């Protein structure tokens, strides 16, 4: 499993807390900066390619906004991590923005397919133009629909879309309408839907608006109602609700993300990316520091100590690993083996959650949070650990 973080955007969304830098802030030489970044990323992979991999063998290119990369730069990155094209991934996802699909045209989509990107994840977020403007998205609802249609007409067989609910300006009727429009998209409904409740991340534009009294968070009841609408509408349409925020048509569940939730090792490349490795039973979490400048300088140098300086790590204890297993597994409908929950969880909390119905036995030796309790999964999990 490989995750590549592309830390560039043309603008920042109001709510986004992921590490990224404005592409226009690179001294008038964006192509050269991006080429230099791609070279550094290739060097990082060469340094770390011996780190363990386990099936499923997947590649996920996220960000930031990967679709701002000129195709030759993106192609060079993919060649570097695929052995010049000799390595084929069971699932290869690229995140895109609708406006980049529109501006790139069918040729850009065909290029993505040509390098093996069979799964496209597109950040639509909303189909209301007022909400999109408030979010500082670069597309409107019409271009989102057109971009989706272009993906389908170009032959992309696996399309995932991202949506956001729980913003104070999103009413229940608006949210239901958005979901119904998504299901009626030209070319057929999306194969996968990721829907996230809006949260206020530190040091974002939304955080500033909240502190200045220019934004009021939606109340818990509204958010819960909209989550229920999400579950009902997509459930009626035949989607498998396999993780708290993720829904898939049968057989279209994201293999890459599912491996995260299963606790499999993965390699994260690029500034701000995280990795997880297991060697001889020792579990290590590591992450690259969020600085394009420092990252690029380090990997353009042959100095091994400089390269190590842009990466930090921690070794996880068995107890930490067990708690992570509970936190990740119980986000999914597959749940967690009951013996693991008893081994690493708090007995009193487990007994209380079982008696209240906040967790249930599946009959196959596993325990899960039932769908009707997914909305309060954070508090349920907190009560178990």
Protein backbone atom coordinates (compact mmCIF):
# COMPACT_ATOMS: atom_id res chain seq x y z
CA UNK A 1 0.00 0.00 0.00
CA UNK A 2 1.35 3.36 -1.03
CA UNK A 3 -0.14 6.76 -0.27
CA UNK A 4 1.30 9.83 -2.02
CA UNK A 5 0.49 13.28 -0.66
CA UNK A 6 0.43 16.07 -3.25
CA UNK A 7 0.67 19.23 -1.10
CA UNK A 8 -0.47 21.82 -3.65
CA UNK A 9 -3.76 23.65 -4.22
CA UNK A 10 -4.81 26.61 -6.35
CA UNK A 11 -6.94 27.89 -3.46
CA UNK A 12 -7.77 26.81 0.08
CA UNK A 13 -11.21 25.56 1.03
CA UNK A 14 -12.82 27.25 4.02
CA UNK A 15 -12.84 24.07 6.12
CA UNK A 16 -9.70 22.22 5.04
CA UNK A 17 -7.04 21.36 7.61
CA UNK A 18 -4.84 19.12 5.44
CA UNK A 19 -1.32 20.34 4.74
CA UNK A 20 -1.07 22.10 1.39
CA UNK A 21 0.58 25.14 -0.18
CA UNK A 22 -0.76 27.54 -2.78
CA UNK A 23 0.56 26.64 -6.18
CA UNK A 24 0.65 30.31 -7.17
CA UNK A 25 3.14 31.11 -4.37
CA UNK A 26 6.12 29.58 -6.13
CA UNK A 27 7.84 32.57 -7.70
CA UNK A 28 6.32 32.33 -11.14
CA UNK A 29 7.87 28.92 -11.85
CA UNK A 30 5.16 26.43 -10.88
CA UNK A 31 6.14 23.78 -13.41
CA UNK A 32 9.76 23.71 -12.26
CA UNK A 33 8.71 23.61 -8.60
CA UNK A 34 6.42 20.68 -9.32
CA UNK A 35 9.09 18.86 -11.31
CA UNK A 36 11.52 19.37 -8.43
CA UNK A 37 8.92 18.02 -5.99
CA UNK A 38 8.35 14.96 -8.20
CA UNK A 39 12.09 14.28 -8.30
CA UNK A 40 12.29 14.50 -4.49
CA UNK A 41 9.33 12.18 -4.11
CA UNK A 42 10.98 9.65 -6.43
CA UNK A 43 14.09 9.82 -4.27
CA UNK A 44 12.06 9.22 -1.12
CA UNK A 45 10.48 6.14 -2.65
CA UNK A 46 13.91 4.84 -3.70
CA UNK A 47 15.08 5.33 -0.11
CA UNK A 48 12.11 3.58 1.44
CA UNK A 49 10.95 1.03 -1.13
CA UNK A 50 12.24 -1.86 0.97
CA UNK A 51 9.70 -1.10 3.71
CA UNK A 52 7.19 -3.92 4.00
CA UNK A 53 4.14 -4.15 1.78
CA UNK A 54 1.15 -6.40 2.18
CA UNK A 55 -1.80 -7.11 -0.01
CA UNK A 56 -3.94 -5.42 -1.15
CA UNK A 57 -1.33 -3.78 -3.33
CA UNK A 58 -2.84 -0.34 -3.77
CA UNK A 59 -1.80 3.17 -4.76
CA UNK A 60 -3.67 6.27 -3.61
CA UNK A 61 -2.65 9.76 -4.74
CA UNK A 62 -4.33 12.37 -2.55
CA UNK A 63 -3.77 15.86 -1.27
CA UNK A 64 -4.00 18.75 -1.52
CA UNK A 65 -5.16 18.61 -5.10
CA UNK A 66 -3.35 16.02 -7.24
CA UNK A 67 -5.21 17.17 -10.36
CA UNK A 68 -3.32 20.50 -10.34
CA UNK A 69 -0.20 18.58 -11.42
CA UNK A 70 0.64 18.76 -15.12
CA UNK A 71 0.17 15.26 -16.49
CA UNK A 72 3.89 14.72 -17.26
CA UNK A 73 4.69 15.40 -13.59
CA UNK A 74 1.98 13.04 -12.35
CA UNK A 75 3.08 10.39 -14.83
CA UNK A 76 6.69 10.67 -13.66
CA UNK A 77 5.60 10.10 -10.06
CA UNK A 78 3.60 7.02 -11.00
CA UNK A 79 6.48 5.61 -13.05
CA UNK A 80 8.81 6.04 -10.07
CA UNK A 81 6.64 4.04 -7.67
CA UNK A 82 5.64 1.39 -10.21
CA UNK A 83 9.09 0.41 -11.38
CA UNK A 84 8.77 2.26 -14.64
CA UNK A 85 5.35 0.76 -15.23
CA UNK A 86 6.27 -2.87 -14.49
CA UNK A 87 4.32 -2.91 -11.23
CA UNK A 88 0.55 -2.99 -11.46
CA UNK A 89 -1.71 -2.06 -8.56
CA UNK A 90 -4.90 -3.88 -7.69
CA UNK A 91 -6.50 -0.50 -6.99
CA UNK A 92 -5.11 2.88 -8.11
CA UNK A 93 -6.99 6.00 -7.01
CA UNK A 94 -6.36 9.65 -7.90
CA UNK A 95 -8.19 12.52 -6.23
CA UNK A 96 -9.41 15.24 -8.60
CA UNK A 97 -11.33 18.51 -8.49
CA UNK A 98 -14.20 19.06 -10.96
CA UNK A 99 -12.72 22.24 -12.40
CA UNK A 100 -9.47 20.45 -13.28
CA UNK A 101 -11.43 17.78 -15.15
CA UNK A 102 -13.32 20.49 -17.06
CA UNK A 103 -10.15 22.41 -17.96
CA UNK A 104 -8.17 19.26 -18.82
CA UNK A 105 -10.93 17.79 -20.96
CA UNK A 106 -11.29 14.22 -22.15
CA UNK A 107 -7.59 14.08 -22.98
CA UNK A 108 -6.68 14.53 -19.32
CA UNK A 109 -9.08 11.79 -18.20
CA UNK A 110 -7.77 9.45 -20.87
CA UNK A 111 -4.24 10.19 -19.65
CA UNK A 112 -5.24 9.19 -16.12
CA UNK A 113 -6.61 5.92 -17.44
CA UNK A 114 -3.45 5.35 -19.47
CA UNK A 115 -1.26 5.30 -16.32
CA UNK A 116 -3.58 2.83 -14.61
CA UNK A 117 -5.74 5.15 -12.49
CA UNK A 118 -8.89 3.08 -12.65
CA UNK A 119 -10.52 4.71 -9.65
CA UNK A 120 -11.17 8.47 -9.52
CA UNK A 121 -12.20 10.23 -6.31
CA UNK A 122 -13.77 13.62 -7.00
CA UNK A 123 -14.45 16.26 -4.36
CA UNK A 124 -17.91 17.60 -5.17
CA UNK A 125 -18.85 18.44 -1.54
CA UNK A 126 -22.20 20.04 -2.46
CA UNK A 127 -24.52 20.69 -5.38
CA UNK A 128 -25.70 24.03 -4.02
CA UNK A 129 -23.88 26.99 -5.53
CA UNK A 130 -24.25 29.12 -2.41
CA UNK A 131 -22.69 26.44 -0.24
CA UNK A 132 -19.88 25.86 -2.75
CA UNK A 133 -19.09 29.57 -2.81
CA UNK A 134 -19.02 29.70 1.00
CA UNK A 135 -16.67 26.69 1.00
CA UNK A 136 -14.40 28.54 -1.44
CA UNK A 137 -14.59 25.70 -3.92
CA UNK A 138 -13.38 26.45 -7.44
CA UNK A 139 -16.36 24.76 -9.14
CA UNK A 140 -20.10 25.29 -9.21
CA UNK A 141 -22.83 22.65 -9.26
CA UNK A 142 -23.15 22.62 -13.06
CA UNK A 143 -19.43 22.00 -13.56
CA UNK A 144 -19.48 19.25 -10.92
CA UNK A 145 -22.20 17.43 -12.87
CA UNK A 146 -20.40 18.01 -16.17
CA UNK A 147 -17.07 16.77 -14.77
CA UNK A 148 -18.74 13.63 -13.46
CA UNK A 149 -20.38 13.06 -16.83
CA UNK A 150 -17.00 13.47 -18.56
CA UNK A 151 -15.44 10.84 -16.31
CA UNK A 152 -18.17 8.38 -17.20
CA UNK A 153 -18.13 9.14 -20.92
CA UNK A 154 -14.34 8.76 -20.97
CA UNK A 155 -14.70 5.26 -19.55
CA UNK A 156 -13.90 5.59 -15.85
CA UNK A 157 -15.65 2.58 -14.36
CA UNK A 158 -15.08 3.36 -10.68
CA UNK A 159 -15.94 6.88 -9.49
CA UNK A 160 -16.06 7.95 -5.84
CA UNK A 161 -17.37 11.34 -4.76
CA UNK A 162 -16.94 13.31 -1.55
CA UNK A 163 -19.80 15.20 0.11
CA UNK A 164 -20.09 17.36 3.22
CA UNK A 165 -23.09 17.70 5.54
CA UNK A 166 -23.65 19.35 8.88
CA UNK A 167 -22.85 22.94 7.90
CA UNK A 168 -25.25 25.45 9.42
CA UNK A 169 -26.38 26.71 6.01
CA UNK A 170 -27.23 23.19 4.79
CA UNK A 171 -30.88 22.46 5.57
CA UNK A 172 -32.31 18.96 5.72
CA UNK A 173 -34.27 19.40 2.49
CA UNK A 174 -31.20 20.76 0.70
CA UNK A 175 -29.16 17.78 1.89
CA UNK A 176 -31.75 15.26 0.75
CA UNK A 177 -31.98 17.03 -2.61
CA UNK A 178 -28.20 16.85 -3.02
CA UNK A 179 -28.21 13.11 -2.40
CA UNK A 180 -31.07 12.55 -4.84
CA UNK A 181 -29.24 14.57 -7.50
CA UNK A 182 -26.07 12.57 -6.89
CA UNK A 183 -27.97 9.34 -7.51
CA UNK A 184 -29.36 10.75 -10.76
CA UNK A 185 -25.97 11.83 -12.15
CA UNK A 186 -25.47 11.33 -15.92
CA UNK A 187 -23.80 8.01 -16.62
CA UNK A 188 -25.27 6.39 -13.53
CA UNK A 189 -24.81 6.88 -9.79
CA UNK A 190 -21.32 6.96 -8.26
CA UNK A 191 -19.80 3.66 -7.29
CA UNK A 192 -18.72 5.06 -3.95
CA UNK A 193 -19.74 7.97 -1.72
CA UNK A 194 -17.72 9.42 1.15
CA UNK A 195 -19.77 11.84 3.26
CA UNK A 196 -18.26 13.78 6.13
CA UNK A 197 -19.78 15.97 8.81
CA UNK A 198 -18.24 19.43 8.67
CA UNK A 199 -15.77 19.92 11.51
CA UNK A 200 -13.83 22.99 12.56
CA UNK A 201 -10.12 22.26 12.23
CA UNK A 202 -7.55 24.49 14.00
CA UNK A 203 -5.99 27.32 11.99
CA UNK A 204 -8.41 27.04 9.08
CA UNK A 205 -10.48 29.85 7.59
CA UNK A 206 -13.53 28.22 9.20
CA UNK A 207 -11.84 28.31 12.60
CA UNK A 208 -11.23 32.03 12.11
CA UNK A 209 -14.85 32.64 11.10
CA UNK A 210 -16.07 30.78 14.18
CA UNK A 211 -13.82 32.73 16.55
CA UNK A 212 -14.92 36.02 15.01
CA UNK A 213 -18.60 35.10 15.42
CA UNK A 214 -19.15 34.94 11.66
CA UNK A 215 -20.06 31.26 11.63
CA UNK A 216 -22.35 29.23 13.86
CA UNK A 217 -21.90 25.48 13.98
CA UNK A 218 -24.88 23.28 13.20
CA UNK A 219 -26.37 21.70 16.32
CA UNK A 220 -25.98 18.01 17.09
CA UNK A 221 -29.64 17.26 16.35
CA UNK A 222 -29.38 18.71 12.84
CA UNK A 223 -26.17 16.81 12.13
CA UNK A 224 -27.71 13.59 13.41
CA UNK A 225 -30.82 14.09 11.28
CA UNK A 226 -28.71 14.67 8.17
CA UNK A 227 -26.62 11.60 8.89
CA UNK A 228 -29.83 9.60 9.16
CA UNK A 229 -31.01 10.99 5.81
CA UNK A 230 -27.66 9.96 4.31
CA UNK A 231 -27.98 6.40 5.60
CA UNK A 232 -31.61 6.07 4.50
CA UNK A 233 -31.23 7.51 1.00
CA UNK A 234 -28.07 5.59 0.11
CA UNK A 235 -29.32 2.44 1.83
CA UNK A 236 -32.52 2.51 -0.23
CA UNK A 237 -30.38 2.95 -3.35
CA UNK A 238 -28.48 -0.27 -2.61
CA UNK A 239 -25.25 1.08 -1.13
CA UNK A 240 -23.27 -0.92 1.40
CA UNK A 241 -22.57 1.25 4.46
CA UNK A 242 -19.25 -0.37 5.27
CA UNK A 243 -17.60 2.39 7.32
CA UNK A 244 -18.95 5.32 9.31
CA UNK A 245 -18.43 7.82 6.47
CA UNK A 246 -18.24 5.50 3.46
CA UNK A 247 -20.83 3.85 1.23
CA UNK A 248 -20.24 1.65 -1.79
CA UNK A 249 -22.21 -0.21 -4.38
CA UNK A 250 -21.58 -3.95 -3.84
CA UNK A 251 -18.02 -4.84 -4.76
CA UNK A 252 -16.87 -1.21 -4.98
CA UNK A 253 -15.63 -0.79 -1.43
CA UNK A 254 -12.28 1.05 -1.32
CA UNK A 255 -9.56 -1.56 -0.92
CA UNK A 256 -6.94 1.03 0.06
CA UNK A 257 -8.94 2.66 2.84
CA UNK A 258 -10.26 -0.70 4.04
CA UNK A 259 -6.66 -1.80 4.56
CA UNK A 260 -6.08 1.23 6.81
CA UNK A 261 -9.02 0.24 8.98
CA UNK A 262 -7.73 -3.35 9.09
CA UNK A 263 -4.39 -2.22 10.50
CA UNK A 264 -2.23 -3.22 7.52
CA UNK A 265 1.12 -1.48 6.95
CA UNK A 266 1.33 1.33 4.41
CA UNK A 267 3.97 3.64 2.99
CA UNK A 268 3.25 7.38 2.90
CA UNK A 269 5.30 9.56 0.57
CA UNK A 270 5.48 13.36 0.37
CA UNK A 271 5.52 16.15 2.96
CA UNK A 272 2.86 15.62 5.63
CA UNK A 273 2.30 11.94 4.72
CA UNK A 274 2.09 9.27 7.41
CA UNK A 275 3.32 5.66 7.30
CA UNK A 276 2.80 2.53 9.38
CA UNK A 277 5.22 -0.41 9.36
CA UNK A 278 5.51 -3.75 11.12
CA UNK A 279 8.91 -5.43 11.36
CA UNK A 280 9.46 -8.52 13.52
CA UNK A 281 6.38 -7.61 15.52
CA UNK A 282 7.53 -4.02 16.14
CA UNK A 283 4.97 -1.47 15.01
CA UNK A 284 6.19 1.99 14.02
CA UNK A 285 4.18 5.06 13.09
CA UNK A 286 6.15 7.66 11.13
CA UNK A 287 5.38 10.91 9.35
CA UNK A 288 7.06 13.42 7.09
CA UNK A 289 7.19 16.99 8.34
CA UNK A 290 4.80 19.34 6.49
CA UNK A 291 7.20 21.52 4.52
CA UNK A 292 7.62 21.34 0.75
CA UNK A 293 10.79 23.42 0.94
CA UNK A 294 12.52 21.26 3.57
CA UNK A 295 11.32 18.02 2.00
CA UNK A 296 12.53 18.96 -1.47
CA UNK A 297 15.90 20.18 -0.18
CA UNK A 298 16.41 16.99 1.83
CA UNK A 299 15.67 14.61 -1.02
CA UNK A 300 17.75 16.60 -3.49
CA UNK A 301 20.66 15.98 -1.14
CA UNK A 302 22.65 12.78 -0.79
CA UNK A 303 23.02 13.46 2.95
CA UNK A 304 21.18 10.61 4.70
CA UNK A 305 20.99 12.54 7.97
CA UNK A 306 19.30 15.47 6.21
CA UNK A 307 16.75 13.11 4.72
CA UNK A 308 16.07 11.61 8.15
CA UNK A 309 15.60 15.11 9.59
CA UNK A 310 12.34 15.66 7.68
CA UNK A 311 10.78 12.50 9.13
CA UNK A 312 9.72 11.62 12.66
CA UNK A 313 8.48 8.37 14.17
CA UNK A 314 7.24 6.59 17.26
CA UNK A 315 7.25 2.95 18.25
CA UNK A 316 3.82 1.77 19.38
CA UNK A 317 3.34 -0.35 22.48
CA UNK A 318 1.05 -3.37 22.41
CA UNK A 319 -1.52 -1.38 24.40
CA UNK A 320 -1.41 1.51 21.91
CA UNK A 321 -1.77 -0.92 19.03
CA UNK A 322 -4.75 -2.57 20.70
CA UNK A 323 -6.50 0.76 21.25
CA UNK A 324 -5.91 1.70 17.61
CA UNK A 325 -7.40 -1.63 16.55
CA UNK A 326 -10.55 -0.85 18.54
CA UNK A 327 -10.79 2.70 17.20
CA UNK A 328 -10.33 1.70 13.55
CA UNK A 329 -12.16 -1.62 13.44
CA UNK A 330 -15.29 -0.32 15.13
CA UNK A 331 -15.67 2.33 12.44
CA UNK A 332 -16.52 -0.51 10.05
CA UNK A 333 -19.51 -2.81 9.71
CA UNK A 334 -17.15 -5.80 10.05
CA UNK A 335 -16.32 -4.73 13.60
CA UNK A 336 -13.61 -6.32 15.71
CA UNK A 337 -12.98 -9.87 16.99
CA UNK A 338 -14.58 -10.09 20.40
CA UNK A 339 -11.46 -11.50 22.05
CA UNK A 340 -9.46 -8.46 20.91
CA UNK A 341 -12.05 -6.09 22.32
CA UNK A 342 -11.96 -7.81 25.72
CA UNK A 343 -8.15 -7.95 25.65
CA UNK A 344 -7.55 -4.26 24.94
CA UNK A 345 -10.78 -2.54 25.97
CA UNK A 346 -12.22 -1.59 29.35
CA UNK A 347 -14.35 -4.44 30.69
CA UNK A 348 -16.87 -2.19 32.45
CA UNK A 349 -17.28 -0.09 29.31
CA UNK A 350 -17.73 -3.13 27.10
CA UNK A 351 -20.40 -4.57 29.36
CA UNK A 352 -22.20 -1.24 29.49
CA UNK A 353 -22.13 -0.77 25.72
CA UNK A 354 -23.35 -4.31 25.10
CA UNK A 355 -26.28 -3.93 27.48
CA UNK A 356 -27.26 -0.57 25.93
CA UNK A 357 -27.08 -1.89 22.36
CA UNK A 358 -24.36 0.55 21.37
CA UNK A 359 -22.31 -2.49 20.32
CA UNK A 360 -23.73 -5.84 19.22
CA UNK A 361 -22.45 -9.37 18.63
CA UNK A 362 -22.55 -10.45 14.99
CA UNK A 363 -22.64 -14.19 15.56
CA UNK A 364 -19.28 -14.81 13.88
CA UNK A 365 -17.13 -13.99 16.85
CA UNK A 366 -17.05 -10.27 16.11
CA UNK A 367 -18.62 -7.19 17.65
CA UNK A 368 -19.66 -4.03 15.81
CA UNK A 369 -21.41 -0.72 16.34
CA UNK A 370 -24.83 -1.04 14.64
CA UNK A 371 -25.54 1.39 11.81
CA UNK A 372 -28.15 3.30 13.80
CA UNK A 373 -25.40 4.08 16.35
CA UNK A 374 -22.67 5.00 13.84
CA UNK A 375 -23.39 8.70 14.29
CA UNK A 376 -22.30 8.49 17.93
CA UNK A 377 -19.42 6.09 17.20
CA UNK A 378 -16.79 8.43 18.66
CA UNK A 379 -18.49 8.49 22.05
CA UNK A 380 -19.16 4.72 21.92
CA UNK A 381 -15.50 3.98 21.19
CA UNK A 382 -14.38 6.41 23.91
CA UNK A 383 -16.52 4.44 26.35
CA UNK A 384 -14.75 1.23 25.39
CA UNK A 385 -11.15 2.33 25.91
